[in-house]
């Protein structure tokens, strides 16, 4: 089914859900409400919006379908964070009771399930989603119900919602640093390979504009549906173009087909190397091909050296097995639950408007390093990293931004960006 077809039922779903308010939402406000109005609402509220000894949270991840290869890991890290927080006394003294739903790798299912979680289960917040198609399907629903969604995956930017917190990277924290890295490597020609949906299309639009500034020529651009594993024809075009690098914005199990076709075409790290933004420690060994020497751009790798990361890895492997690895989206999801805890406890309320009013400046000593919430755009400051895959399917950090990059989801600080230019 095409992505366009998948979104047709959303109009009906959103219209129905707009009649409801989430249990923890105080007065509903439009996206244009002023920050001062929200603060006044928080100050006037003494209601925690959650009664009893527990707080219900929704975990919404694909445990079936094309995205299960990646999203199962996010689910695991959310469950770890919940168990740790509960062991430490919960959130404002309330233990987390999580309700799980399977997004089934389908945007319309994500829209349906988040509606159920917010209006029927009356959860205080939802954590999950992976593809931008799933996030965009959930956005009008979570806004209509005045709920909260914590989205853990890097994405194409150009979005901000008072009802969503983006704990993965936005474009200027991953895509742009990756391009800067390629420029530093002397790259002159670049081929773009992506899944055919929102994130790759938009990311590549940004890449093409920045490539002109950097003097990098785009010698090809190919897309395959997210549900397809056949990259034979497209990889043949890559082989013919002989680019210095391939920028990979493919998601989910489709990466397996791409890497297989790449290998069969005789391409590898020494011939047209790849830089990916969706292959991490969990996915690398699942490719079935030796990826040593290939690159990825993220904001966290398991190889990051810090006491917080050592503790995270130890806890994750104690819960799920010594053979399990950690990755960027997993770490961002784990971090998101702790950030939510910090926001609620700063607000002294589970009410959505109160949480939003207090979110700015909330920080957490995450495995990737200390992260801080931007209260205006609901993103977090993150350090950009480039890793190179070694023989153990781990990533050796070969480039770092050196310090956290402030989120700029609409690329206001980049004069070359023109959203109206293809």
Protein backbone atom coordinates (compact mmCIF):
# COMPACT_ATOMS: atom_id res chain seq x y z
CA UNK A 1 0.00 0.00 0.00
CA UNK A 2 1.34 3.45 -0.83
CA UNK A 3 1.97 5.98 1.93
CA UNK A 4 -0.65 8.26 0.34
CA UNK A 5 -3.25 5.52 0.56
CA UNK A 6 -2.32 4.77 4.13
CA UNK A 7 -3.24 8.28 5.26
CA UNK A 8 -6.78 8.37 3.80
CA UNK A 9 -8.49 7.07 6.98
CA UNK A 10 -6.79 9.76 9.10
CA UNK A 11 -9.35 12.47 8.39
CA UNK A 12 -12.09 10.38 9.97
CA UNK A 13 -9.87 9.32 12.88
CA UNK A 14 -8.76 12.86 13.69
CA UNK A 15 -12.30 14.22 13.45
CA UNK A 16 -13.50 11.64 15.94
CA UNK A 17 -10.60 12.06 18.32
CA UNK A 18 -10.92 15.84 18.41
CA UNK A 19 -14.13 15.35 20.41
CA UNK A 20 -12.11 13.94 23.29
CA UNK A 21 -9.56 15.37 25.72
CA UNK A 22 -6.77 13.36 27.24
CA UNK A 23 -7.23 12.57 30.90
CA UNK A 24 -4.13 14.51 31.91
CA UNK A 25 -4.75 17.50 29.63
CA UNK A 26 -5.83 20.68 31.36
CA UNK A 27 -7.40 23.46 29.29
CA UNK A 28 -6.82 22.77 25.58
CA UNK A 29 -4.79 25.44 23.82
CA UNK A 30 -3.91 26.01 20.20
CA UNK A 31 -0.36 25.84 18.91
CA UNK A 32 -0.30 29.63 18.76
CA UNK A 33 -0.91 30.12 22.50
CA UNK A 34 1.70 32.29 24.12
CA UNK A 35 4.24 30.86 26.53
CA UNK A 36 3.01 33.25 29.22
CA UNK A 37 -0.52 31.92 28.91
CA UNK A 38 0.73 28.37 29.36
CA UNK A 39 2.78 29.37 32.40
CA UNK A 40 -0.28 31.04 33.94
CA UNK A 41 -2.24 27.82 33.46
CA UNK A 42 0.50 25.82 35.14
CA UNK A 43 0.77 28.21 38.04
CA UNK A 44 -2.98 28.15 38.61
CA UNK A 45 -3.18 24.35 38.59
CA UNK A 46 -2.85 22.31 41.74
CA UNK A 47 -4.28 19.18 40.10
CA UNK A 48 -1.73 16.53 39.17
CA UNK A 49 -4.16 15.18 36.52
CA UNK A 50 -3.29 11.68 37.71
CA UNK A 51 -4.97 10.03 40.67
CA UNK A 52 -4.03 6.91 42.60
CA UNK A 53 -0.65 5.37 43.28
CA UNK A 54 0.38 4.82 39.65
CA UNK A 55 0.68 6.76 36.41
CA UNK A 56 -0.31 5.14 33.13
CA UNK A 57 2.05 5.65 30.17
CA UNK A 58 1.69 4.33 26.64
CA UNK A 59 4.49 2.50 24.83
CA UNK A 60 3.71 2.47 21.10
CA UNK A 61 6.26 0.64 18.94
CA UNK A 62 6.16 -1.70 15.95
CA UNK A 63 6.75 -5.24 17.17
CA UNK A 64 5.55 -6.57 13.80
CA UNK A 65 6.05 -5.53 10.18
CA UNK A 66 9.02 -4.05 8.32
CA UNK A 67 10.09 -1.77 11.19
CA UNK A 68 10.10 -4.41 13.94
CA UNK A 69 13.83 -5.04 13.35
CA UNK A 70 14.47 -1.58 14.80
CA UNK A 71 11.48 -0.68 16.96
CA UNK A 72 11.61 -3.77 19.18
CA UNK A 73 14.86 -2.41 20.59
CA UNK A 74 13.23 0.92 21.48
CA UNK A 75 10.48 -0.95 23.31
CA UNK A 76 13.10 -2.83 25.32
CA UNK A 77 14.90 0.35 26.40
CA UNK A 78 11.62 2.01 27.43
CA UNK A 79 10.79 -0.98 29.60
CA UNK A 80 14.25 -0.79 31.18
CA UNK A 81 13.84 2.90 32.00
CA UNK A 82 10.38 2.26 33.47
CA UNK A 83 11.69 -0.53 35.70
CA UNK A 84 14.56 1.65 36.91
CA UNK A 85 12.31 4.61 37.64
CA UNK A 86 9.85 2.39 39.50
CA UNK A 87 12.68 0.92 41.56
CA UNK A 88 13.66 4.46 42.48
CA UNK A 89 10.20 5.41 43.69
CA UNK A 90 8.43 6.29 40.45
CA UNK A 91 7.48 9.74 39.17
CA UNK A 92 6.34 12.06 41.96
CA UNK A 93 5.86 8.95 44.07
CA UNK A 94 3.68 7.22 41.46
CA UNK A 95 4.83 3.95 39.92
CA UNK A 96 4.71 3.67 36.13
CA UNK A 97 2.09 1.32 34.73
CA UNK A 98 2.75 1.02 31.01
CA UNK A 99 0.24 -0.03 28.39
CA UNK A 100 1.76 -1.45 25.20
CA UNK A 101 0.43 -1.23 21.67
CA UNK A 102 1.89 -2.50 18.38
CA UNK A 103 2.05 0.09 15.59
CA UNK A 104 2.46 -2.77 13.08
CA UNK A 105 4.77 -0.58 10.93
CA UNK A 106 1.67 1.14 9.51
CA UNK A 107 1.05 4.90 9.94
CA UNK A 108 -2.73 4.52 10.17
CA UNK A 109 -2.33 1.93 12.93
CA UNK A 110 -0.11 4.35 14.86
CA UNK A 111 -2.83 7.00 14.57
CA UNK A 112 -5.47 4.57 15.76
CA UNK A 113 -3.41 3.22 18.65
CA UNK A 114 -2.29 6.58 20.01
CA UNK A 115 -5.92 7.67 19.95
CA UNK A 116 -6.86 4.61 22.00
CA UNK A 117 -4.04 5.19 24.48
CA UNK A 118 -4.93 8.84 25.04
CA UNK A 119 -8.73 8.72 25.04
CA UNK A 120 -9.63 5.22 26.20
CA UNK A 121 -6.68 4.18 28.35
CA UNK A 122 -6.18 7.82 29.41
CA UNK A 123 -2.41 7.60 29.61
CA UNK A 124 -0.46 10.65 30.77
CA UNK A 125 1.99 10.43 27.84
CA UNK A 126 2.93 8.15 24.93
CA UNK A 127 6.46 7.05 23.98
CA UNK A 128 7.33 5.63 20.59
CA UNK A 129 7.12 5.81 16.83
CA UNK A 130 10.02 5.50 14.40
CA UNK A 131 9.30 6.52 10.82
CA UNK A 132 8.32 10.11 10.07
CA UNK A 133 5.21 8.72 8.41
CA UNK A 134 4.16 7.23 11.76
CA UNK A 135 4.94 10.47 13.60
CA UNK A 136 3.03 12.62 11.12
CA UNK A 137 0.07 10.24 11.39
CA UNK A 138 0.10 10.60 15.19
CA UNK A 139 0.65 14.38 15.25
CA UNK A 140 -2.94 15.57 14.57
CA UNK A 141 -4.30 12.93 16.93
CA UNK A 142 -2.06 13.86 19.87
CA UNK A 143 -2.72 17.55 19.24
CA UNK A 144 -6.47 16.99 19.01
CA UNK A 145 -6.46 15.16 22.34
CA UNK A 146 -3.96 17.60 23.93
CA UNK A 147 -1.74 14.71 24.90
CA UNK A 148 2.02 14.21 24.91
CA UNK A 149 4.16 12.10 22.57
CA UNK A 150 7.88 11.48 23.11
CA UNK A 151 9.42 10.59 19.73
CA UNK A 152 12.91 8.99 19.98
CA UNK A 153 14.30 8.85 16.45
CA UNK A 154 16.36 11.19 14.27
CA UNK A 155 14.20 12.80 11.62
CA UNK A 156 14.11 15.36 8.81
CA UNK A 157 13.22 18.40 10.95
CA UNK A 158 10.90 21.17 9.72
CA UNK A 159 8.43 20.41 12.50
CA UNK A 160 7.61 21.44 16.06
CA UNK A 161 4.51 20.72 18.10
CA UNK A 162 3.60 21.66 21.66
CA UNK A 163 2.36 18.10 22.05
CA UNK A 164 5.52 16.31 20.87
CA UNK A 165 9.02 16.10 22.36
CA UNK A 166 11.69 15.08 19.84
CA UNK A 167 14.52 13.31 21.67
CA UNK A 168 16.25 12.08 18.52
CA UNK A 169 18.30 14.39 16.29
CA UNK A 170 16.89 17.01 13.98
CA UNK A 171 18.61 17.78 10.68
CA UNK A 172 21.25 20.20 11.93
CA UNK A 173 22.37 17.64 14.53
CA UNK A 174 22.86 14.67 12.16
CA UNK A 175 22.40 15.29 8.41
CA UNK A 176 24.36 18.55 8.25
CA UNK A 177 27.26 17.22 10.41
CA UNK A 178 27.39 14.16 8.15
CA UNK A 179 27.73 16.40 5.10
CA UNK A 180 30.45 18.42 6.83
CA UNK A 181 32.27 15.16 7.52
CA UNK A 182 32.03 14.10 3.86
CA UNK A 183 33.42 17.47 2.79
CA UNK A 184 36.34 17.01 5.19
CA UNK A 185 37.00 13.62 3.55
CA UNK A 186 37.36 15.30 0.16
CA UNK A 187 34.13 13.87 -1.25
CA UNK A 188 33.25 15.36 -4.65
CA UNK A 189 30.38 13.12 -5.80
CA UNK A 190 27.48 11.69 -3.81
CA UNK A 191 24.64 9.27 -4.58
CA UNK A 192 21.41 9.41 -2.54
CA UNK A 193 19.59 6.15 -1.69
CA UNK A 194 16.46 6.23 0.44
CA UNK A 195 13.16 4.62 1.34
CA UNK A 196 10.22 6.20 -0.44
CA UNK A 197 8.52 8.20 2.31
CA UNK A 198 8.71 11.48 4.23
CA UNK A 199 12.09 11.35 5.98
CA UNK A 200 14.35 10.33 3.07
CA UNK A 201 12.62 12.62 0.57
CA UNK A 202 12.88 15.67 2.86
CA UNK A 203 16.36 14.84 4.15
CA UNK A 204 17.63 14.51 0.59
CA UNK A 205 16.07 17.85 -0.35
CA UNK A 206 18.17 19.40 2.42
CA UNK A 207 21.25 17.40 1.43
CA UNK A 208 20.99 18.57 -2.20
CA UNK A 209 20.83 22.23 -1.22
CA UNK A 210 23.76 21.95 1.21
CA UNK A 211 25.76 19.90 -1.30
CA UNK A 212 25.73 22.90 -3.66
CA UNK A 213 27.23 25.06 -0.91
CA UNK A 214 29.91 22.45 -0.22
CA UNK A 215 30.74 21.87 -3.88
CA UNK A 216 29.58 18.24 -3.81
CA UNK A 217 27.84 16.93 -6.94
CA UNK A 218 24.78 14.68 -6.56
CA UNK A 219 25.19 12.01 -9.26
CA UNK A 220 22.03 10.01 -8.56
CA UNK A 221 18.96 9.72 -6.36
CA UNK A 222 16.94 6.52 -5.97
CA UNK A 223 14.06 5.41 -3.73
CA UNK A 224 12.41 2.07 -2.99
CA UNK A 225 9.20 1.56 -0.95
CA UNK A 226 9.77 0.95 2.75
CA UNK A 227 8.19 -2.50 2.42
CA UNK A 228 10.45 -3.59 -0.47
CA UNK A 229 13.79 -5.38 -0.17
CA UNK A 230 14.66 -5.37 -3.89
CA UNK A 231 17.41 -2.83 -4.61
CA UNK A 232 18.99 -4.61 -7.58
CA UNK A 233 18.12 -2.03 -10.25
CA UNK A 234 18.97 0.96 -8.06
CA UNK A 235 22.33 -0.47 -6.95
CA UNK A 236 23.23 -1.08 -10.60
CA UNK A 237 22.76 2.67 -11.12
CA UNK A 238 25.05 3.37 -8.17
CA UNK A 239 27.72 1.08 -9.62
CA UNK A 240 27.47 2.87 -12.97
CA UNK A 241 27.67 6.34 -11.37
CA UNK A 242 30.78 5.46 -9.32
CA UNK A 243 30.16 8.05 -6.58
CA UNK A 244 32.76 8.87 -3.95
CA UNK A 245 30.13 8.09 -1.27
CA UNK A 246 26.52 6.94 -0.95
CA UNK A 247 24.27 8.72 1.54
CA UNK A 248 21.86 6.08 2.87
CA UNK A 249 18.47 7.20 4.24
CA UNK A 250 16.89 3.74 3.98
CA UNK A 251 14.91 2.50 6.98
CA UNK A 252 13.95 -0.85 8.47
CA UNK A 253 14.46 -4.26 6.90
CA UNK A 254 14.77 -2.69 3.45
CA UNK A 255 18.37 -2.00 4.44
CA UNK A 256 19.03 -5.75 4.31
CA UNK A 257 18.04 -5.89 0.65
CA UNK A 258 20.08 -2.79 -0.14
CA UNK A 259 23.25 -4.05 1.54
CA UNK A 260 22.84 -7.49 -0.06
CA UNK A 261 22.51 -5.98 -3.54
CA UNK A 262 25.43 -3.65 -2.82
CA UNK A 263 27.64 -6.59 -1.87
CA UNK A 264 26.56 -8.66 -4.87
CA UNK A 265 27.42 -5.73 -7.16
CA UNK A 266 30.99 -5.82 -5.86
CA UNK A 267 30.66 -2.56 -3.96
CA UNK A 268 31.88 -2.04 -0.42
CA UNK A 269 33.74 0.25 1.96
CA UNK A 270 36.65 0.65 -0.45
CA UNK A 271 34.40 1.22 -3.49
CA UNK A 272 31.78 3.93 -3.01
CA UNK A 273 31.54 3.70 0.81
CA UNK A 274 28.22 4.34 2.54
CA UNK A 275 27.27 6.76 5.28
CA UNK A 276 23.97 5.76 6.91
CA UNK A 277 21.59 7.47 9.29
CA UNK A 278 19.49 4.42 10.18
CA UNK A 279 21.95 1.52 10.51
CA UNK A 280 23.14 1.22 14.10
CA UNK A 281 24.61 -1.47 16.37
CA UNK A 282 21.41 -3.53 16.36
CA UNK A 283 20.98 -3.49 12.58
CA UNK A 284 24.62 -3.90 11.46
CA UNK A 285 24.96 -7.64 12.22
CA UNK A 286 21.51 -8.30 10.75
CA UNK A 287 22.68 -7.19 7.30
CA UNK A 288 24.34 -10.57 6.69
CA UNK A 289 27.37 -8.89 5.07
CA UNK A 290 30.66 -7.66 6.51
CA UNK A 291 30.17 -3.89 6.92
CA UNK A 292 33.64 -3.13 8.27
CA UNK A 293 34.73 0.31 7.14
CA UNK A 294 31.25 1.71 6.45
CA UNK A 295 30.03 4.83 8.27
CA UNK A 296 27.02 6.06 10.20
CA UNK A 297 26.00 9.44 11.59
CA UNK A 298 24.33 9.42 15.01
CA UNK A 299 24.48 11.19 18.36
CA UNK A 300 25.18 8.09 20.42
CA UNK A 301 27.18 4.91 19.91
CA UNK A 302 27.63 2.02 22.34
CA UNK A 303 31.33 2.83 22.24
CA UNK A 304 30.83 6.27 23.86
CA UNK A 305 33.03 6.48 26.96
CA UNK A 306 31.19 7.80 30.00
CA UNK A 307 30.10 6.48 33.41
CA UNK A 308 26.45 7.01 32.46
CA UNK A 309 26.87 4.93 29.29
CA UNK A 310 28.72 2.17 31.13
CA UNK A 311 25.84 1.97 33.62
CA UNK A 312 23.26 1.98 30.81
CA UNK A 313 24.93 -0.86 28.90
CA UNK A 314 25.40 -2.89 32.07
CA UNK A 315 21.73 -2.49 33.06
CA UNK A 316 20.46 -3.24 29.54
CA UNK A 317 22.52 -6.40 29.19
CA UNK A 318 21.61 -7.55 32.71
CA UNK A 319 17.94 -7.33 31.72
CA UNK A 320 18.10 -8.65 28.15
CA UNK A 321 21.31 -10.67 27.83
CA UNK A 322 25.05 -10.08 27.52
CA UNK A 323 24.84 -10.41 23.72
CA UNK A 324 22.48 -7.45 23.33
CA UNK A 325 23.80 -4.14 22.03
CA UNK A 326 22.66 -0.57 22.51
CA UNK A 327 22.05 2.05 19.81
CA UNK A 328 21.09 5.69 19.29
CA UNK A 329 17.27 5.37 19.08
CA UNK A 330 17.30 3.03 22.08
CA UNK A 331 19.31 5.53 24.09
CA UNK A 332 17.08 8.42 22.99
CA UNK A 333 13.97 6.48 24.05
CA UNK A 334 15.53 5.55 27.39
CA UNK A 335 16.49 9.19 27.90
CA UNK A 336 12.99 10.40 26.96
CA UNK A 337 11.39 8.66 29.93
CA UNK A 338 13.87 10.24 32.34
CA UNK A 339 13.32 13.66 30.74
CA UNK A 340 9.56 13.23 31.18
CA UNK A 341 10.14 12.37 34.83
CA UNK A 342 12.22 15.55 35.19
CA UNK A 343 9.57 17.69 33.52
CA UNK A 344 6.74 16.36 35.66
CA UNK A 345 8.69 16.75 38.87
CA UNK A 346 9.74 20.29 37.93
CA UNK A 347 6.11 21.14 37.12
CA UNK A 348 4.83 19.25 40.18
CA UNK A 349 2.03 18.11 37.91
CA UNK A 350 1.21 15.57 35.22
CA UNK A 351 -1.04 18.11 33.43
CA UNK A 352 0.09 18.65 29.86
CA UNK A 353 0.08 22.45 29.97
CA UNK A 354 1.97 22.47 33.27
CA UNK A 355 4.56 20.01 31.95
CA UNK A 356 5.06 22.11 28.82
CA UNK A 357 5.44 25.30 30.84
CA UNK A 358 8.19 23.70 32.92
CA UNK A 359 10.02 21.71 30.23
CA UNK A 360 12.54 24.34 29.14
CA UNK A 361 15.95 23.77 30.66
CA UNK A 362 15.17 20.31 32.05
CA UNK A 363 18.35 18.26 31.73
CA UNK A 364 19.45 14.67 32.16
CA UNK A 365 22.90 13.08 32.39
CA UNK A 366 22.17 10.67 29.54
CA UNK A 367 24.45 7.90 28.24
CA UNK A 368 25.25 10.14 25.23
CA UNK A 369 26.14 13.04 27.55
CA UNK A 370 24.07 15.68 29.30
CA UNK A 371 21.03 16.70 27.24
CA UNK A 372 18.88 19.78 27.78
CA UNK A 373 15.29 20.37 26.62
CA UNK A 374 14.56 23.43 24.48
CA UNK A 375 11.22 24.67 25.80
CA UNK A 376 10.43 26.59 22.61
CA UNK A 377 10.77 23.85 19.98
CA UNK A 378 10.65 20.72 22.21
CA UNK A 379 13.91 19.30 20.84
CA UNK A 380 17.09 18.66 22.82
CA UNK A 381 20.72 19.70 22.40
CA UNK A 382 22.80 16.76 21.11
CA UNK A 383 26.43 16.15 20.15
CA UNK A 384 26.96 15.04 16.54
CA UNK A 385 29.05 11.90 16.00
CA UNK A 386 30.31 9.94 12.99
CA UNK A 387 31.21 6.30 13.56
CA UNK A 388 33.00 3.76 11.39
CA UNK A 389 31.98 0.12 11.67
CA UNK A 390 34.70 -2.23 12.90
CA UNK A 391 34.99 -6.02 12.60
CA UNK A 392 32.88 -6.48 15.75
CA UNK A 393 29.95 -4.52 14.29
CA UNK A 394 30.65 -1.75 16.76
CA UNK A 395 31.39 1.84 15.76
CA UNK A 396 34.68 3.62 16.26
CA UNK A 397 33.98 7.35 16.64
CA UNK A 398 35.99 9.11 13.91
CA UNK A 399 34.41 12.58 14.16
CA UNK A 400 32.59 14.57 16.83
CA UNK A 401 31.07 18.04 16.97
CA UNK A 402 32.86 18.31 20.32
CA UNK A 403 29.90 19.79 22.14
CA UNK A 404 26.10 19.61 22.00
CA UNK A 405 24.53 21.24 18.94
CA UNK A 406 21.50 23.38 19.72
CA UNK A 407 18.42 22.14 17.82
CA UNK A 408 17.36 24.21 14.81
CA UNK A 409 14.53 22.15 13.30
CA UNK A 410 13.50 24.80 10.76
CA UNK A 411 17.11 25.57 9.76
CA UNK A 412 16.65 29.26 10.54
CA UNK A 413 20.39 29.61 11.10
CA UNK A 414 21.29 28.25 7.65
CA UNK A 415 20.88 30.95 4.95
CA UNK A 416 21.28 28.47 2.11
CA UNK A 417 18.10 26.59 3.07
CA UNK A 418 15.03 27.30 0.92
CA UNK A 419 11.98 25.13 1.78
CA UNK A 420 10.38 26.06 -1.57
CA UNK A 421 13.33 24.78 -3.60
CA UNK A 422 13.28 21.15 -4.71
